[in-house]
Amino acid sequence: MKYTIPLMALTASEAAAQFFVLYGRDSMVSRIDPILTPGGIGTHVHDFMGANNADENSTFESLRQATCSSMGRANGNPIVEDKSIYWHPSLYVKANNGTYIRVPSNGHQIYYE
């Protein structure tokens, strides 16, 4: 029984080391999708975060030329090495007058296992 707590602590620390979290804020809102519609207009609007040079023609090589990123650590420090782009469909709500308003995001947490 005296070995139960250290074993549980070891198991928890190993599990925690198997993933990491990125924090990002939107850097662009656009109707592009470099994977599904490269070089053209996308079918819907996306919120982007990450490398500052994302566009409809983004490639691995072009993203390596980014000069900054909107991704960061939990302590607020930027991750300048992260030249990736992350995106998701924008969310809209229908207003009482019939128009659509984009729902702003307050940043994102991206988990990797």
N, C-alpha and C. Protein backbone atom coordinates (compact mmCIF):
# COMPACT_ATOMS: atom_id res chain seq x y z
N MET A 1 0.82 -1.20 0.00
CA MET A 1 0.00 0.00 0.00
C MET A 1 0.86 1.26 0.00
N LYS A 2 2.05 1.22 0.60
CA LYS A 2 2.87 2.42 0.66
C LYS A 2 3.40 2.84 -0.72
N TYR A 3 3.30 1.97 -1.73
CA TYR A 3 3.78 2.31 -3.07
C TYR A 3 2.68 2.86 -3.97
N THR A 4 1.47 2.93 -3.51
CA THR A 4 0.35 3.36 -4.34
C THR A 4 0.47 4.81 -4.77
N ILE A 5 0.77 5.71 -3.88
CA ILE A 5 0.84 7.14 -4.21
C ILE A 5 1.97 7.44 -5.19
N PRO A 6 3.20 6.97 -4.95
CA PRO A 6 4.25 7.27 -5.94
C PRO A 6 3.95 6.69 -7.32
N LEU A 7 3.35 5.50 -7.37
CA LEU A 7 3.01 4.90 -8.65
C LEU A 7 1.95 5.74 -9.37
N MET A 8 0.94 6.20 -8.63
CA MET A 8 -0.09 7.05 -9.23
C MET A 8 0.51 8.37 -9.72
N ALA A 9 1.42 8.94 -8.95
CA ALA A 9 2.06 10.20 -9.35
C ALA A 9 2.88 10.00 -10.62
N LEU A 10 3.59 8.87 -10.71
CA LEU A 10 4.39 8.58 -11.89
C LEU A 10 3.48 8.42 -13.11
N THR A 11 2.39 7.70 -12.96
CA THR A 11 1.45 7.50 -14.06
C THR A 11 0.87 8.84 -14.52
N ALA A 12 0.48 9.70 -13.61
CA ALA A 12 -0.09 11.00 -13.97
C ALA A 12 0.94 11.86 -14.69
N SER A 13 2.18 11.85 -14.23
CA SER A 13 3.19 12.69 -14.89
C SER A 13 3.51 12.17 -16.28
N GLU A 14 3.50 10.86 -16.48
CA GLU A 14 3.75 10.32 -17.81
C GLU A 14 2.61 10.68 -18.75
N ALA A 15 1.38 10.63 -18.27
CA ALA A 15 0.23 10.99 -19.11
C ALA A 15 0.28 12.46 -19.48
N ALA A 16 0.67 13.32 -18.56
CA ALA A 16 0.73 14.76 -18.83
C ALA A 16 1.80 15.09 -19.86
N ALA A 17 2.84 14.28 -19.94
CA ALA A 17 3.93 14.56 -20.86
C ALA A 17 3.62 14.13 -22.29
N GLN A 18 2.47 13.50 -22.52
CA GLN A 18 2.16 12.98 -23.84
C GLN A 18 1.36 13.95 -24.71
N PHE A 19 1.11 15.15 -24.26
CA PHE A 19 0.43 16.12 -25.09
C PHE A 19 0.94 17.52 -24.76
N PHE A 20 0.67 18.46 -25.65
CA PHE A 20 1.00 19.85 -25.37
C PHE A 20 -0.09 20.74 -25.92
N VAL A 21 -0.14 21.96 -25.45
CA VAL A 21 -1.21 22.88 -25.79
C VAL A 21 -0.62 24.14 -26.41
N LEU A 22 -1.23 24.60 -27.49
CA LEU A 22 -0.90 25.88 -28.10
C LEU A 22 -2.06 26.84 -27.86
N TYR A 23 -1.75 28.08 -27.65
CA TYR A 23 -2.77 29.11 -27.49
C TYR A 23 -2.65 30.05 -28.67
N GLY A 24 -3.77 30.34 -29.31
CA GLY A 24 -3.71 31.20 -30.49
C GLY A 24 -4.81 32.23 -30.49
N ARG A 25 -4.55 33.31 -31.18
CA ARG A 25 -5.58 34.33 -31.39
C ARG A 25 -5.72 34.51 -32.89
N ASP A 26 -6.92 34.90 -33.31
CA ASP A 26 -7.17 35.05 -34.74
C ASP A 26 -6.23 36.08 -35.35
N SER A 27 -5.68 35.74 -36.50
CA SER A 27 -4.83 36.68 -37.21
C SER A 27 -5.49 37.14 -38.50
N MET A 28 -6.53 36.41 -38.95
CA MET A 28 -7.16 36.76 -40.21
C MET A 28 -8.51 36.05 -40.30
N VAL A 29 -9.45 36.68 -40.97
CA VAL A 29 -10.73 36.06 -41.31
C VAL A 29 -10.86 36.17 -42.82
N SER A 30 -11.03 35.03 -43.50
CA SER A 30 -11.03 35.08 -44.96
C SER A 30 -11.78 33.88 -45.54
N ARG A 31 -12.20 34.03 -46.79
CA ARG A 31 -12.89 32.95 -47.50
C ARG A 31 -11.90 32.18 -48.35
N ILE A 32 -10.86 31.66 -47.72
CA ILE A 32 -9.87 30.83 -48.41
C ILE A 32 -9.71 29.52 -47.65
N ASP A 33 -9.21 28.51 -48.35
CA ASP A 33 -8.87 27.23 -47.75
C ASP A 33 -7.71 26.66 -48.56
N PRO A 34 -6.47 26.83 -48.09
CA PRO A 34 -5.31 26.42 -48.87
C PRO A 34 -5.26 24.92 -49.19
N ILE A 35 -6.02 24.10 -48.48
CA ILE A 35 -6.01 22.66 -48.76
C ILE A 35 -7.12 22.29 -49.74
N LEU A 36 -8.36 22.71 -49.47
CA LEU A 36 -9.49 22.30 -50.31
C LEU A 36 -9.61 23.11 -51.60
N THR A 37 -9.28 24.40 -51.54
CA THR A 37 -9.38 25.25 -52.73
C THR A 37 -8.10 26.07 -52.89
N PRO A 38 -6.96 25.41 -53.11
CA PRO A 38 -5.70 26.15 -53.24
C PRO A 38 -5.75 27.12 -54.43
N GLY A 39 -5.31 28.35 -54.17
CA GLY A 39 -5.26 29.36 -55.22
C GLY A 39 -6.59 30.00 -55.55
N GLY A 40 -7.65 29.64 -54.83
CA GLY A 40 -8.97 30.18 -55.17
C GLY A 40 -9.76 30.60 -53.95
N ILE A 41 -11.03 30.89 -54.19
CA ILE A 41 -11.95 31.31 -53.14
C ILE A 41 -12.57 30.07 -52.51
N GLY A 42 -12.66 30.05 -51.19
CA GLY A 42 -13.26 28.93 -50.50
C GLY A 42 -14.78 28.99 -50.52
N THR A 43 -15.41 27.92 -50.08
CA THR A 43 -16.87 27.85 -50.07
C THR A 43 -17.48 28.53 -48.86
N HIS A 44 -16.66 28.81 -47.85
CA HIS A 44 -17.16 29.49 -46.65
C HIS A 44 -16.00 30.22 -45.96
N VAL A 45 -16.33 31.01 -44.97
CA VAL A 45 -15.36 31.85 -44.28
C VAL A 45 -14.67 31.06 -43.17
N HIS A 46 -13.37 31.33 -42.98
CA HIS A 46 -12.59 30.70 -41.92
C HIS A 46 -11.94 31.75 -41.03
N ASP A 47 -11.76 31.41 -39.76
CA ASP A 47 -10.93 32.18 -38.83
C ASP A 47 -9.56 31.51 -38.84
N PHE A 48 -8.51 32.29 -39.09
CA PHE A 48 -7.14 31.77 -39.15
C PHE A 48 -6.34 32.24 -37.96
N MET A 49 -5.37 31.44 -37.56
CA MET A 49 -4.38 31.85 -36.58
C MET A 49 -3.06 31.19 -36.95
N GLY A 50 -1.98 31.73 -36.45
CA GLY A 50 -0.66 31.16 -36.74
C GLY A 50 0.17 32.11 -37.56
N ALA A 51 0.87 31.56 -38.56
CA ALA A 51 1.80 32.33 -39.39
C ALA A 51 1.12 33.56 -40.00
N ASN A 52 1.86 34.65 -40.07
CA ASN A 52 1.29 35.92 -40.53
C ASN A 52 1.20 36.05 -42.05
N ASN A 53 1.66 35.06 -42.80
CA ASN A 53 1.65 35.19 -44.25
C ASN A 53 0.71 34.19 -44.94
N ALA A 54 -0.29 33.70 -44.23
CA ALA A 54 -1.22 32.74 -44.83
C ALA A 54 -2.03 33.39 -45.95
N ASP A 55 -2.21 32.66 -47.02
CA ASP A 55 -3.08 33.10 -48.10
C ASP A 55 -3.57 31.87 -48.85
N GLU A 56 -4.32 32.09 -49.93
CA GLU A 56 -4.91 30.96 -50.66
C GLU A 56 -3.87 30.09 -51.35
N ASN A 57 -2.64 30.57 -51.46
CA ASN A 57 -1.57 29.82 -52.10
C ASN A 57 -0.54 29.27 -51.11
N SER A 58 -0.86 29.23 -49.84
CA SER A 58 0.11 28.81 -48.82
C SER A 58 0.62 27.39 -49.07
N THR A 59 1.92 27.25 -48.92
CA THR A 59 2.59 25.95 -49.01
C THR A 59 3.54 25.85 -47.83
N PHE A 60 4.09 24.68 -47.63
CA PHE A 60 5.08 24.52 -46.57
C PHE A 60 6.22 25.51 -46.76
N GLU A 61 6.70 25.63 -47.98
CA GLU A 61 7.83 26.52 -48.25
C GLU A 61 7.47 27.98 -47.99
N SER A 62 6.28 28.41 -48.40
CA SER A 62 5.92 29.82 -48.18
C SER A 62 5.71 30.11 -46.70
N LEU A 63 5.13 29.17 -45.96
CA LEU A 63 4.91 29.41 -44.52
C LEU A 63 6.21 29.49 -43.75
N ARG A 64 7.26 28.82 -44.19
CA ARG A 64 8.57 28.89 -43.53
C ARG A 64 9.13 30.31 -43.59
N GLN A 65 8.60 31.15 -44.48
CA GLN A 65 9.07 32.53 -44.62
C GLN A 65 8.31 33.51 -43.72
N ALA A 66 7.36 33.02 -42.92
CA ALA A 66 6.59 33.89 -42.03
C ALA A 66 7.53 34.62 -41.07
N THR A 67 7.18 35.87 -40.75
CA THR A 67 8.02 36.66 -39.85
C THR A 67 7.51 36.66 -38.42
N CYS A 68 6.27 36.20 -38.20
CA CYS A 68 5.75 36.09 -36.84
C CYS A 68 4.55 35.15 -36.83
N SER A 69 4.08 34.84 -35.65
CA SER A 69 2.97 33.91 -35.48
C SER A 69 2.06 34.42 -34.37
N SER A 70 0.77 34.11 -34.48
CA SER A 70 -0.16 34.49 -33.41
C SER A 70 -0.32 33.37 -32.38
N MET A 71 0.53 32.35 -32.45
CA MET A 71 0.47 31.23 -31.50
C MET A 71 1.37 31.55 -30.30
N GLY A 72 0.95 31.07 -29.13
CA GLY A 72 1.73 31.35 -27.93
C GLY A 72 1.62 30.25 -26.90
N ARG A 73 2.35 30.45 -25.81
CA ARG A 73 2.34 29.53 -24.68
C ARG A 73 1.35 30.03 -23.63
N ALA A 74 1.10 29.20 -22.65
CA ALA A 74 0.16 29.55 -21.59
C ALA A 74 0.59 30.82 -20.86
N ASN A 75 1.90 31.08 -20.77
CA ASN A 75 2.38 32.26 -20.06
C ASN A 75 2.32 33.53 -20.91
N GLY A 76 1.81 33.40 -22.15
CA GLY A 76 1.68 34.57 -23.02
C GLY A 76 2.84 34.80 -23.95
N ASN A 77 3.94 34.08 -23.76
CA ASN A 77 5.09 34.25 -24.65
C ASN A 77 4.79 33.64 -26.02
N PRO A 78 5.17 34.32 -27.08
CA PRO A 78 4.90 33.79 -28.42
C PRO A 78 5.77 32.58 -28.73
N ILE A 79 5.29 31.77 -29.65
CA ILE A 79 6.08 30.65 -30.16
C ILE A 79 6.52 31.04 -31.57
N VAL A 80 7.62 31.73 -31.66
CA VAL A 80 8.07 32.27 -32.95
C VAL A 80 8.47 31.16 -33.92
N GLU A 81 8.79 29.99 -33.39
CA GLU A 81 9.19 28.88 -34.25
C GLU A 81 8.01 28.25 -34.96
N ASP A 82 6.79 28.49 -34.49
CA ASP A 82 5.61 27.87 -35.07
C ASP A 82 5.18 28.64 -36.31
N LYS A 83 5.50 28.12 -37.46
CA LYS A 83 5.16 28.76 -38.73
C LYS A 83 3.94 28.10 -39.38
N SER A 84 3.21 27.32 -38.60
CA SER A 84 2.01 26.65 -39.11
C SER A 84 0.84 27.62 -39.18
N ILE A 85 -0.19 27.23 -39.92
CA ILE A 85 -1.46 27.96 -39.87
C ILE A 85 -2.54 26.99 -39.41
N TYR A 86 -3.47 27.51 -38.66
CA TYR A 86 -4.59 26.74 -38.13
C TYR A 86 -5.85 27.50 -38.50
N TRP A 87 -6.90 26.79 -38.91
CA TRP A 87 -8.13 27.49 -39.24
C TRP A 87 -9.34 26.60 -38.98
N HIS A 88 -10.46 27.28 -38.83
CA HIS A 88 -11.73 26.60 -38.63
C HIS A 88 -12.83 27.47 -39.23
N PRO A 89 -13.97 26.87 -39.57
CA PRO A 89 -15.06 27.67 -40.13
C PRO A 89 -15.50 28.75 -39.14
N SER A 90 -15.80 29.92 -39.67
CA SER A 90 -16.31 31.01 -38.83
C SER A 90 -17.75 30.71 -38.44
N LEU A 91 -18.11 31.15 -37.25
CA LEU A 91 -19.46 30.96 -36.73
C LEU A 91 -20.23 32.27 -36.86
N TYR A 92 -21.45 32.19 -37.37
CA TYR A 92 -22.31 33.37 -37.54
C TYR A 92 -23.63 33.16 -36.82
N VAL A 93 -24.22 34.26 -36.38
CA VAL A 93 -25.57 34.23 -35.82
C VAL A 93 -26.45 35.15 -36.67
N LYS A 94 -27.72 34.81 -36.74
CA LYS A 94 -28.66 35.64 -37.49
C LYS A 94 -29.27 36.67 -36.56
N ALA A 95 -29.12 37.93 -36.90
CA ALA A 95 -29.66 39.03 -36.10
C ALA A 95 -31.17 39.16 -36.34
N ASN A 96 -31.83 39.89 -35.47
CA ASN A 96 -33.28 40.11 -35.59
C ASN A 96 -33.67 40.78 -36.90
N ASN A 97 -32.76 41.57 -37.46
CA ASN A 97 -33.07 42.26 -38.72
C ASN A 97 -32.78 41.41 -39.95
N GLY A 98 -32.38 40.16 -39.75
CA GLY A 98 -32.13 39.24 -40.86
C GLY A 98 -30.71 39.19 -41.35
N THR A 99 -29.83 40.06 -40.86
CA THR A 99 -28.43 40.02 -41.28
C THR A 99 -27.68 38.99 -40.43
N TYR A 100 -26.49 38.62 -40.89
CA TYR A 100 -25.66 37.67 -40.17
C TYR A 100 -24.45 38.39 -39.59
N ILE A 101 -24.11 38.03 -38.37
CA ILE A 101 -22.99 38.66 -37.66
C ILE A 101 -22.02 37.55 -37.27
N ARG A 102 -20.74 37.75 -37.61
CA ARG A 102 -19.73 36.76 -37.22
C ARG A 102 -19.51 36.80 -35.72
N VAL A 103 -19.47 35.63 -35.11
CA VAL A 103 -19.21 35.53 -33.68
C VAL A 103 -17.70 35.59 -33.48
N PRO A 104 -17.20 36.63 -32.79
CA PRO A 104 -15.75 36.72 -32.59
C PRO A 104 -15.27 35.65 -31.62
N SER A 105 -14.06 35.21 -31.82
CA SER A 105 -13.48 34.24 -30.87
C SER A 105 -12.56 34.99 -29.92
N ASN A 106 -12.40 34.45 -28.77
CA ASN A 106 -11.49 35.04 -27.77
C ASN A 106 -10.19 34.27 -27.69
N GLY A 107 -9.80 33.67 -28.79
CA GLY A 107 -8.59 32.86 -28.82
C GLY A 107 -8.94 31.39 -28.81
N HIS A 108 -7.91 30.58 -28.97
CA HIS A 108 -8.11 29.14 -29.11
C HIS A 108 -7.06 28.39 -28.30
N GLN A 109 -7.43 27.20 -27.90
CA GLN A 109 -6.48 26.27 -27.30
C GLN A 109 -6.45 25.04 -28.19
N ILE A 110 -5.28 24.71 -28.69
CA ILE A 110 -5.11 23.59 -29.59
C ILE A 110 -4.30 22.53 -28.87
N TYR A 111 -4.86 21.34 -28.75
CA TYR A 111 -4.21 20.25 -28.03
C TYR A 111 -3.64 19.24 -29.02
N TYR A 112 -2.41 18.81 -28.77
CA TYR A 112 -1.78 17.74 -29.55
C TYR A 112 -1.48 16.58 -28.63
N GLU A 113 -1.77 15.39 -29.09
CA GLU A 113 -1.41 14.18 -28.33
C GLU A 113 -0.28 13.49 -29.03
